[in-house]
N, C-alpha and C. Protein backbone atom coordinates (compact mmCIF):
# COMPACT_ATOMS: atom_id res chain seq x y z
N MET A 1 78.09 81.60 75.19
CA MET A 1 79.09 80.73 76.39
C MET A 1 79.91 81.78 77.18
N SER A 2 80.14 81.39 78.54
CA SER A 2 80.91 82.22 79.24
C SER A 2 82.60 82.03 78.93
N MET A 3 83.36 83.01 79.46
CA MET A 3 84.72 83.08 79.20
C MET A 3 85.18 81.44 80.06
N LEU A 4 84.72 81.22 81.32
CA LEU A 4 85.01 80.02 81.91
C LEU A 4 84.85 78.96 81.13
N GLU A 5 83.66 78.98 80.70
CA GLU A 5 83.18 77.68 79.85
C GLU A 5 84.09 77.45 78.90
N ASP A 6 84.55 78.64 77.84
CA ASP A 6 85.51 78.51 76.83
C ASP A 6 86.84 77.95 77.56
N ILE A 7 87.34 78.36 78.45
CA ILE A 7 88.41 77.82 79.12
C ILE A 7 88.33 76.33 79.25
N ASN A 8 87.31 76.02 79.88
CA ASN A 8 87.14 74.49 80.15
C ASN A 8 87.00 73.77 78.97
N LYS A 9 86.33 74.21 77.94
CA LYS A 9 86.34 73.62 76.54
C LYS A 9 87.82 73.44 76.02
N GLU A 10 88.76 74.58 76.14
CA GLU A 10 89.79 74.49 75.56
C GLU A 10 90.71 73.48 76.15
N LEU A 11 90.64 73.59 77.64
CA LEU A 11 91.51 72.69 78.52
C LEU A 11 91.07 71.26 78.18
N ASP A 12 90.00 70.92 77.90
CA ASP A 12 89.25 69.42 77.74
C ASP A 12 89.91 69.05 76.63
N ALA A 13 90.35 69.67 75.43
CA ALA A 13 90.92 69.45 74.19
C ALA A 13 92.13 69.13 74.19
N LEU A 14 92.90 69.55 75.29
CA LEU A 14 94.41 69.20 75.62
C LEU A 14 94.62 67.90 76.27
N LYS A 15 95.56 67.08 75.60
CA LYS A 15 95.89 65.82 76.62
C LYS A 15 96.97 65.75 77.81
N THR A 16 97.58 66.77 77.68
CA THR A 16 98.72 66.91 78.80
C THR A 16 98.97 68.55 79.53
N ILE A 17 99.54 68.43 80.52
CA ILE A 17 99.67 69.38 81.09
C ILE A 17 100.57 70.33 80.16
N GLU A 18 101.42 69.82 79.86
CA GLU A 18 102.58 70.33 79.02
C GLU A 18 101.93 71.24 77.89
N ALA A 19 100.64 70.60 77.28
CA ALA A 19 100.03 71.28 76.21
C ALA A 19 99.46 72.21 76.65
N ALA A 20 98.73 72.18 77.93
CA ALA A 20 98.12 73.55 78.52
C ALA A 20 99.13 74.63 78.65
N VAL A 21 100.24 74.24 79.40
CA VAL A 21 101.44 75.24 79.59
C VAL A 21 101.74 75.62 78.15
N GLU A 22 101.84 75.19 77.09
CA GLU A 22 102.19 75.67 75.67
C GLU A 22 101.29 76.83 75.53
N MET A 23 99.95 76.27 75.61
CA MET A 23 98.82 77.11 75.50
C MET A 23 99.09 78.63 76.31
N ALA A 24 99.41 78.33 77.47
CA ALA A 24 99.43 79.38 78.50
C ALA A 24 100.55 80.24 77.94
N ILE A 25 102.02 79.95 77.72
CA ILE A 25 102.71 80.33 77.01
C ILE A 25 102.43 81.43 75.78
N SER A 26 101.29 80.81 74.68
CA SER A 26 100.77 81.64 73.93
C SER A 26 100.21 82.79 74.20
N LEU A 27 99.41 82.26 75.38
CA LEU A 27 98.33 83.73 75.97
C LEU A 27 99.20 84.66 76.26
N GLU A 28 100.30 84.29 77.39
CA GLU A 28 101.26 85.46 77.85
C GLU A 28 101.75 86.24 76.69
N ASP A 29 102.46 85.66 75.43
CA ASP A 29 103.16 86.05 74.53
C ASP A 29 101.98 87.44 73.73
N GLN A 30 100.59 86.56 73.71
CA GLN A 30 99.80 87.49 72.93
C GLN A 30 99.47 88.90 73.83
N GLY A 31 99.46 88.65 75.16
CA GLY A 31 99.29 89.71 76.25
C GLY A 31 100.46 90.81 75.97
N CYS A 32 101.58 90.02 75.82
CA CYS A 32 102.74 90.92 75.70
C CYS A 32 102.61 91.97 74.83
N GLU A 33 102.28 91.16 73.41
CA GLU A 33 102.12 91.95 72.22
C GLU A 33 101.09 93.02 72.29
N PHE A 34 99.69 92.93 73.09
CA PHE A 34 98.85 93.49 73.05
C PHE A 34 99.44 94.95 73.98
N TYR A 35 99.79 94.66 75.22
CA TYR A 35 100.35 95.77 75.97
C TYR A 35 101.41 96.54 75.39
N THR A 36 102.36 95.88 74.51
CA THR A 36 103.20 96.56 73.93
C THR A 36 102.83 97.35 72.87
N GLU A 37 101.88 97.12 71.96
CA GLU A 37 101.24 97.97 70.95
C GLU A 37 100.49 98.83 71.60
N LYS A 38 99.70 98.81 72.47
CA LYS A 38 99.30 99.81 73.29
C LYS A 38 100.13 100.85 73.82
N ALA A 39 100.85 100.37 74.52
CA ALA A 39 101.94 101.39 75.01
C ALA A 39 102.75 102.12 74.05
N GLY A 40 102.71 101.81 72.76
CA GLY A 40 103.18 102.49 71.48
C GLY A 40 102.40 103.59 70.81
N THR A 41 100.97 103.34 71.02
CA THR A 41 100.02 104.21 70.85
C THR A 41 99.54 105.34 71.44
N THR A 42 99.65 104.97 72.95
CA THR A 42 98.99 106.09 73.70
C THR A 42 99.94 107.25 73.92
N THR A 43 99.38 108.46 74.13
CA THR A 43 100.26 109.66 74.44
C THR A 43 100.07 110.03 75.90
N GLU A 44 99.29 109.18 76.48
CA GLU A 44 99.35 109.54 78.20
C GLU A 44 100.36 108.76 78.87
N VAL A 45 101.44 109.54 79.31
CA VAL A 45 102.56 108.94 80.03
C VAL A 45 102.18 107.66 81.12
N ALA A 46 101.48 107.91 82.12
CA ALA A 46 101.04 106.96 83.04
C ALA A 46 100.64 105.86 82.36
N ILE A 47 99.75 105.90 81.32
CA ILE A 47 98.97 104.49 80.85
C ILE A 47 100.18 104.00 80.12
N LYS A 48 100.85 104.66 79.56
CA LYS A 48 101.89 103.91 78.73
C LYS A 48 103.06 103.15 79.79
N GLU A 49 103.18 103.84 80.71
CA GLU A 49 104.26 103.20 81.56
C GLU A 49 103.49 101.95 82.27
N MET A 50 102.26 102.00 82.50
CA MET A 50 101.45 100.91 83.10
C MET A 50 101.44 99.91 81.85
N PHE A 51 101.24 99.93 80.85
CA PHE A 51 101.04 99.14 79.69
C PHE A 51 102.51 98.49 79.60
N GLU A 52 103.58 99.14 79.48
CA GLU A 52 104.97 98.76 79.72
C GLU A 52 105.18 97.69 80.89
N TYR A 53 104.81 98.13 81.90
CA TYR A 53 104.83 97.33 83.33
C TYR A 53 104.11 95.74 82.81
N LEU A 54 102.88 96.03 82.08
CA LEU A 54 102.18 94.80 81.96
C LEU A 54 102.59 93.78 80.84
N ALA A 55 103.24 94.36 79.94
CA ALA A 55 104.15 93.76 78.98
C ALA A 55 105.24 93.03 79.55
N ASP A 56 106.09 93.82 80.36
CA ASP A 56 107.19 92.99 81.05
C ASP A 56 106.91 91.96 82.04
N GLU A 57 105.45 92.14 82.61
CA GLU A 57 104.78 90.89 83.39
C GLU A 57 104.51 89.84 82.55
N GLU A 58 103.97 90.00 81.47
CA GLU A 58 103.74 88.85 80.56
C GLU A 58 104.93 88.15 79.98
N ILE A 59 105.78 89.04 79.99
CA ILE A 59 107.44 88.24 79.51
C ILE A 59 107.88 87.53 80.48
N LYS A 60 107.73 87.96 81.95
CA LYS A 60 108.06 87.25 83.06
C LYS A 60 107.20 85.86 83.13
N HIS A 61 106.00 86.01 83.27
CA HIS A 61 105.06 84.87 83.08
C HIS A 61 105.49 83.75 82.09
N ALA A 62 105.73 84.32 80.89
CA ALA A 62 106.13 83.11 79.88
C ALA A 62 107.44 82.44 80.11
N GLU A 63 108.54 83.17 80.83
CA GLU A 63 109.63 82.74 81.27
C GLU A 63 109.52 81.67 82.12
N TYR A 64 108.55 82.05 83.33
CA TYR A 64 108.01 80.99 84.34
C TYR A 64 107.60 79.52 83.58
N LEU A 65 106.68 79.79 82.66
CA LEU A 65 106.33 78.52 81.91
C LEU A 65 107.31 77.86 81.38
N HIS A 66 108.02 78.69 80.58
CA HIS A 66 109.16 77.84 79.78
C HIS A 66 110.12 77.16 81.07
N ASN A 67 110.22 77.52 82.09
CA ASN A 67 111.01 76.95 82.98
C ASN A 67 110.35 75.88 83.40
N PHE A 68 109.04 76.11 83.38
CA PHE A 68 108.50 74.80 83.98
C PHE A 68 108.30 73.62 83.10
N LEU A 69 108.33 73.77 81.65
CA LEU A 69 108.33 72.86 80.70
C LEU A 69 109.84 72.36 80.67
N LYS A 70 110.96 73.14 80.77
CA LYS A 70 112.16 72.77 80.53
C LYS A 70 112.94 72.09 81.52
N GLU A 71 112.51 72.87 82.61
CA GLU A 71 113.49 72.27 84.05
C GLU A 71 112.60 71.50 85.20
N ASN A 72 111.16 71.71 84.93
CA ASN A 72 110.45 71.33 85.83
C ASN A 72 110.25 72.54 87.12
N ASN A 73 110.86 73.64 86.93
CA ASN A 73 111.00 74.63 87.67
C ASN A 73 109.63 75.40 88.14
N MET A 74 109.20 75.56 89.29
CA MET A 74 108.14 76.26 89.61
C MET A 74 108.19 77.27 90.27
N GLU A 75 109.30 78.16 90.21
CA GLU A 75 109.49 78.94 90.97
C GLU A 75 108.85 80.30 90.35
N ILE A 76 108.32 81.29 91.21
CA ILE A 76 107.61 82.47 90.66
C ILE A 76 108.09 83.54 91.87
N THR A 77 108.73 84.58 91.12
CA THR A 77 109.19 85.63 92.12
C THR A 77 108.40 86.78 91.85
N VAL A 78 107.56 87.19 92.88
CA VAL A 78 106.53 88.17 92.68
C VAL A 78 107.14 89.63 93.12
N SER A 79 107.00 90.47 92.50
CA SER A 79 107.78 91.71 93.03
C SER A 79 106.54 92.84 93.45
N GLU A 80 106.94 93.50 94.20
CA GLU A 80 105.88 94.64 94.47
C GLU A 80 105.49 95.56 93.37
N THR A 81 104.13 95.30 93.11
CA THR A 81 103.39 96.18 92.16
C THR A 81 103.32 97.86 92.24
N PRO A 82 103.85 98.46 91.20
CA PRO A 82 103.68 99.84 91.16
C PRO A 82 102.24 100.35 91.57
N SER A 83 102.30 101.35 92.21
CA SER A 83 101.04 102.32 92.25
C SER A 83 101.03 103.23 91.03
N PHE A 84 100.14 103.18 90.19
CA PHE A 84 99.88 104.09 89.04
C PHE A 84 98.65 105.09 89.51
N THR A 85 98.00 104.82 90.62
CA THR A 85 96.92 105.61 90.81
C THR A 85 97.02 106.99 90.59
N GLN A 86 98.05 107.52 91.51
CA GLN A 86 98.13 109.28 91.72
C GLN A 86 98.50 109.76 89.84
N ALA A 87 99.50 109.06 89.17
CA ALA A 87 99.55 109.58 87.77
C ALA A 87 98.53 109.32 86.94
N LEU A 88 97.78 108.24 87.05
CA LEU A 88 96.61 107.77 86.03
C LEU A 88 95.69 109.10 86.71
N SER A 89 95.23 109.04 87.92
CA SER A 89 94.37 110.06 88.15
C SER A 89 94.38 111.32 87.77
N GLU A 90 95.71 112.00 87.43
CA GLU A 90 95.82 113.22 87.14
C GLU A 90 95.19 113.12 85.66
N GLU A 91 96.11 112.13 84.82
CA GLU A 91 95.67 111.84 83.47
C GLU A 91 94.17 112.01 82.98
N PHE A 92 93.38 111.08 83.77
CA PHE A 92 91.95 110.98 83.51
C PHE A 92 91.24 111.99 83.96
N SER A 93 91.88 113.08 85.03
CA SER A 93 90.84 114.14 85.28
C SER A 93 91.08 115.20 84.39
N THR A 94 91.54 115.16 83.33
CA THR A 94 91.56 115.99 81.99
C THR A 94 90.36 115.76 81.02
N GLY A 95 89.70 114.53 81.41
CA GLY A 95 88.31 114.16 80.71
C GLY A 95 88.63 113.32 79.78
N LYS A 96 89.88 113.00 79.32
CA LYS A 96 90.13 112.01 78.10
C LYS A 96 89.83 110.76 78.68
N MET A 97 88.94 110.05 77.71
CA MET A 97 88.29 108.76 77.77
C MET A 97 88.85 107.75 76.70
N ASP A 98 89.95 108.20 75.84
CA ASP A 98 90.06 107.50 74.63
C ASP A 98 90.47 105.91 75.21
N GLU A 99 91.12 105.76 76.14
CA GLU A 99 91.79 104.35 76.48
C GLU A 99 90.92 103.39 77.12
N VAL A 100 89.42 103.93 77.55
CA VAL A 100 88.53 103.05 78.23
C VAL A 100 88.40 101.67 77.45
N GLY A 101 88.29 101.88 76.30
CA GLY A 101 88.12 100.50 75.49
C GLY A 101 88.91 99.53 75.25
N ILE A 102 90.49 100.28 75.53
CA ILE A 102 91.57 99.30 75.42
C ILE A 102 91.75 98.73 76.84
N LEU A 103 91.24 99.52 77.99
CA LEU A 103 91.42 99.14 79.47
C LEU A 103 90.40 97.90 79.60
N LEU A 104 89.04 97.89 78.90
CA LEU A 104 88.24 97.00 79.13
C LEU A 104 88.77 95.69 78.31
N ALA A 105 89.45 95.81 77.45
CA ALA A 105 89.98 94.74 76.69
C ALA A 105 90.94 94.05 77.32
N ALA A 106 92.02 94.94 78.24
CA ALA A 106 93.11 94.23 78.87
C ALA A 106 92.36 93.59 79.98
N LEU A 107 91.32 94.06 80.87
CA LEU A 107 90.65 93.66 81.89
C LEU A 107 90.12 92.24 81.40
N ARG A 108 89.20 92.32 80.23
CA ARG A 108 88.89 90.59 79.68
C ARG A 108 90.21 89.73 79.76
N PHE A 109 91.42 90.37 79.13
CA PHE A 109 92.44 89.38 78.88
C PHE A 109 92.97 88.95 80.26
N GLU A 110 93.21 89.88 81.21
CA GLU A 110 93.55 89.34 82.55
C GLU A 110 92.87 88.74 83.36
N ARG A 111 91.53 88.79 83.15
CA ARG A 111 90.59 87.85 83.72
C ARG A 111 90.73 86.45 82.94
N LYS A 112 90.45 86.41 82.04
CA LYS A 112 90.80 84.97 81.14
C LYS A 112 92.09 84.46 81.65
N SER A 113 93.12 84.98 81.83
CA SER A 113 94.56 84.42 82.26
C SER A 113 94.21 83.76 83.83
N GLU A 114 93.66 84.69 84.43
CA GLU A 114 93.30 84.22 85.84
C GLU A 114 92.61 82.95 85.90
N ASP A 115 91.68 83.14 85.01
CA ASP A 115 90.60 81.82 85.14
C ASP A 115 91.24 80.45 84.57
N PHE A 116 91.98 80.96 83.52
CA PHE A 116 92.96 79.87 83.08
C PHE A 116 93.93 79.16 84.01
N TYR A 117 94.73 79.97 84.62
CA TYR A 117 95.58 79.30 85.66
C TYR A 117 94.92 78.66 86.87
N ALA A 118 93.80 79.35 87.17
CA ALA A 118 92.81 78.77 88.36
C ALA A 118 92.52 77.26 87.95
N GLU A 119 91.96 77.20 86.69
CA GLU A 119 91.42 76.05 86.22
C GLU A 119 92.56 74.81 86.38
N LEU A 120 93.83 75.21 85.62
CA LEU A 120 95.17 74.41 85.53
C LEU A 120 95.14 73.88 87.34
N ALA A 121 95.21 74.81 87.91
CA ALA A 121 95.54 74.36 89.35
C ALA A 121 94.31 73.50 90.00
N LYS A 122 93.04 73.73 89.53
CA LYS A 122 92.04 72.66 89.89
C LYS A 122 92.30 71.40 89.26
N ARG A 123 92.90 71.38 88.22
CA ARG A 123 93.04 70.11 87.52
C ARG A 123 94.22 69.13 87.86
N SER A 124 95.29 69.95 88.28
CA SER A 124 96.44 69.36 88.50
C SER A 124 96.43 68.51 89.87
N ASP A 125 96.73 67.25 89.69
CA ASP A 125 96.97 66.23 90.86
C ASP A 125 98.22 66.61 91.75
N ASP A 126 99.25 67.13 91.20
CA ASP A 126 100.40 67.43 91.77
C ASP A 126 100.47 68.78 92.45
N GLU A 127 100.74 68.60 94.06
CA GLU A 127 100.47 69.71 94.81
C GLU A 127 101.36 71.06 94.39
N VAL A 128 102.70 70.67 94.11
CA VAL A 128 103.37 71.78 93.47
C VAL A 128 103.05 72.37 92.35
N GLN A 129 102.94 71.71 91.45
CA GLN A 129 102.14 72.24 90.24
C GLN A 129 100.94 72.98 90.41
N LYS A 130 99.88 72.55 91.32
CA LYS A 130 98.79 73.18 91.70
C LYS A 130 99.15 74.67 92.44
N LYS A 131 100.12 74.70 93.31
CA LYS A 131 100.54 75.81 93.96
C LYS A 131 101.27 76.95 92.87
N PHE A 132 101.83 76.22 91.96
CA PHE A 132 102.40 77.10 91.10
C PHE A 132 101.50 77.65 90.18
N PHE A 133 100.42 77.07 89.64
CA PHE A 133 99.36 77.68 88.81
C PHE A 133 98.36 78.45 89.74
N LYS A 134 98.12 78.34 91.01
CA LYS A 134 97.36 79.05 91.75
C LYS A 134 98.12 80.52 92.10
N LYS A 135 99.67 80.41 92.17
CA LYS A 135 100.22 81.64 92.12
C LYS A 135 100.14 82.41 90.84
N LEU A 136 100.23 81.89 89.77
CA LEU A 136 100.32 82.77 88.69
C LEU A 136 98.74 83.45 88.61
N ALA A 137 97.60 82.43 88.88
CA ALA A 137 96.39 83.34 88.63
C ALA A 137 96.40 84.40 89.88
N GLU A 138 97.11 84.18 90.74
CA GLU A 138 96.95 85.41 91.92
C GLU A 138 97.63 86.71 91.18
N VAL A 139 98.81 86.28 90.53
CA VAL A 139 99.38 87.69 89.83
C VAL A 139 98.69 87.96 89.00
N GLU A 140 97.87 87.34 88.08
CA GLU A 140 97.03 87.94 86.96
C GLU A 140 95.94 88.69 87.87
N ARG A 141 95.47 88.29 88.70
CA ARG A 141 94.27 88.91 89.63
C ARG A 141 94.91 90.28 89.81
N GLY A 142 96.16 90.23 90.38
CA GLY A 142 96.96 91.71 90.68
C GLY A 142 96.70 92.45 89.43
N HIS A 143 96.95 92.08 88.19
CA HIS A 143 96.90 92.76 87.01
C HIS A 143 95.52 93.25 86.95
N TYR A 144 94.67 92.59 87.08
CA TYR A 144 93.35 92.83 86.97
C TYR A 144 92.71 94.02 87.75
N GLU A 145 93.28 93.91 89.03
CA GLU A 145 93.13 94.97 90.00
C GLU A 145 93.74 96.33 89.73
N ILE A 146 94.71 96.16 89.07
CA ILE A 146 95.59 97.60 88.44
C ILE A 146 94.37 98.23 87.57
N ILE A 147 94.08 97.29 86.49
CA ILE A 147 93.19 97.97 85.22
C ILE A 147 91.99 98.22 85.86
N ASP A 148 91.35 97.48 86.78
CA ASP A 148 89.89 97.93 87.25
C ASP A 148 90.04 98.90 87.94
N GLY A 149 91.37 99.34 88.90
CA GLY A 149 91.15 100.63 89.73
C GLY A 149 91.39 101.72 88.66
N LEU A 150 91.79 101.54 87.65
CA LEU A 150 92.18 102.64 86.74
C LEU A 150 90.75 102.99 86.11
N LEU A 151 90.03 102.02 85.69
CA LEU A 151 88.50 102.12 85.20
C LEU A 151 87.68 102.92 86.17
N ASP A 152 88.00 102.68 87.45
CA ASP A 152 87.23 103.33 88.69
C ASP A 152 87.55 104.76 88.33
N ILE A 153 88.94 105.01 88.22
CA ILE A 153 89.28 106.38 88.28
C ILE A 153 88.81 107.03 87.07
N SER A 154 88.66 106.40 85.95
CA SER A 154 88.52 107.21 84.77
C SER A 154 87.04 107.24 84.54
N THR A 155 86.15 106.34 84.93
CA THR A 155 84.63 106.29 84.68
C THR A 155 83.73 106.32 86.07
N GLY A 156 84.42 105.88 87.00
CA GLY A 156 83.56 105.92 88.44
C GLY A 156 83.04 104.74 88.56
N PHE A 157 83.32 103.78 87.70
CA PHE A 157 82.53 102.42 87.74
C PHE A 157 83.73 101.39 88.00
N ARG A 158 83.77 100.74 88.98
CA ARG A 158 84.42 99.41 89.37
C ARG A 158 83.99 98.03 88.87
N MET A 159 84.66 97.47 88.03
CA MET A 159 84.33 96.29 87.34
C MET A 159 84.57 94.84 88.36
N GLN A 160 85.53 95.19 89.44
CA GLN A 160 85.80 93.88 90.23
C GLN A 160 84.86 93.05 90.98
N THR A 161 85.29 91.72 90.66
CA THR A 161 84.24 90.71 91.05
C THR A 161 84.95 90.04 92.09
């Protein structure tokens, strides 16, 4: 079963948009925990900074979703994504490949989050909600691209689809 089929199955089991948003909050919390844990275990400074940035982003996403539930507030503030390319290029030029498996897991997580929000946008009848979920999907795509770029630097192989 593909990731998108998994997401559709999960969403089909939910009865309300609120239940889907609660699930999304849980995903964001899991992402934050994952990135925080990985930031604490790496010795590579740039990778640690990237994981800390992604953990902070997951916290912001959970806040957006909480605001959606509590206040029907669908505002998202997108800040400029920092470039990790130079620092990460230097770290991976030393031949260390220990982080690749972690990056692949992170890549999958970001892709699942993007697909989840894109599917919520498709299922929403409300145009404001649709825009909110599309924006969250775009932000997750940006995170995917950061990680994909790092994988390209470290392995010479780009996963981007």
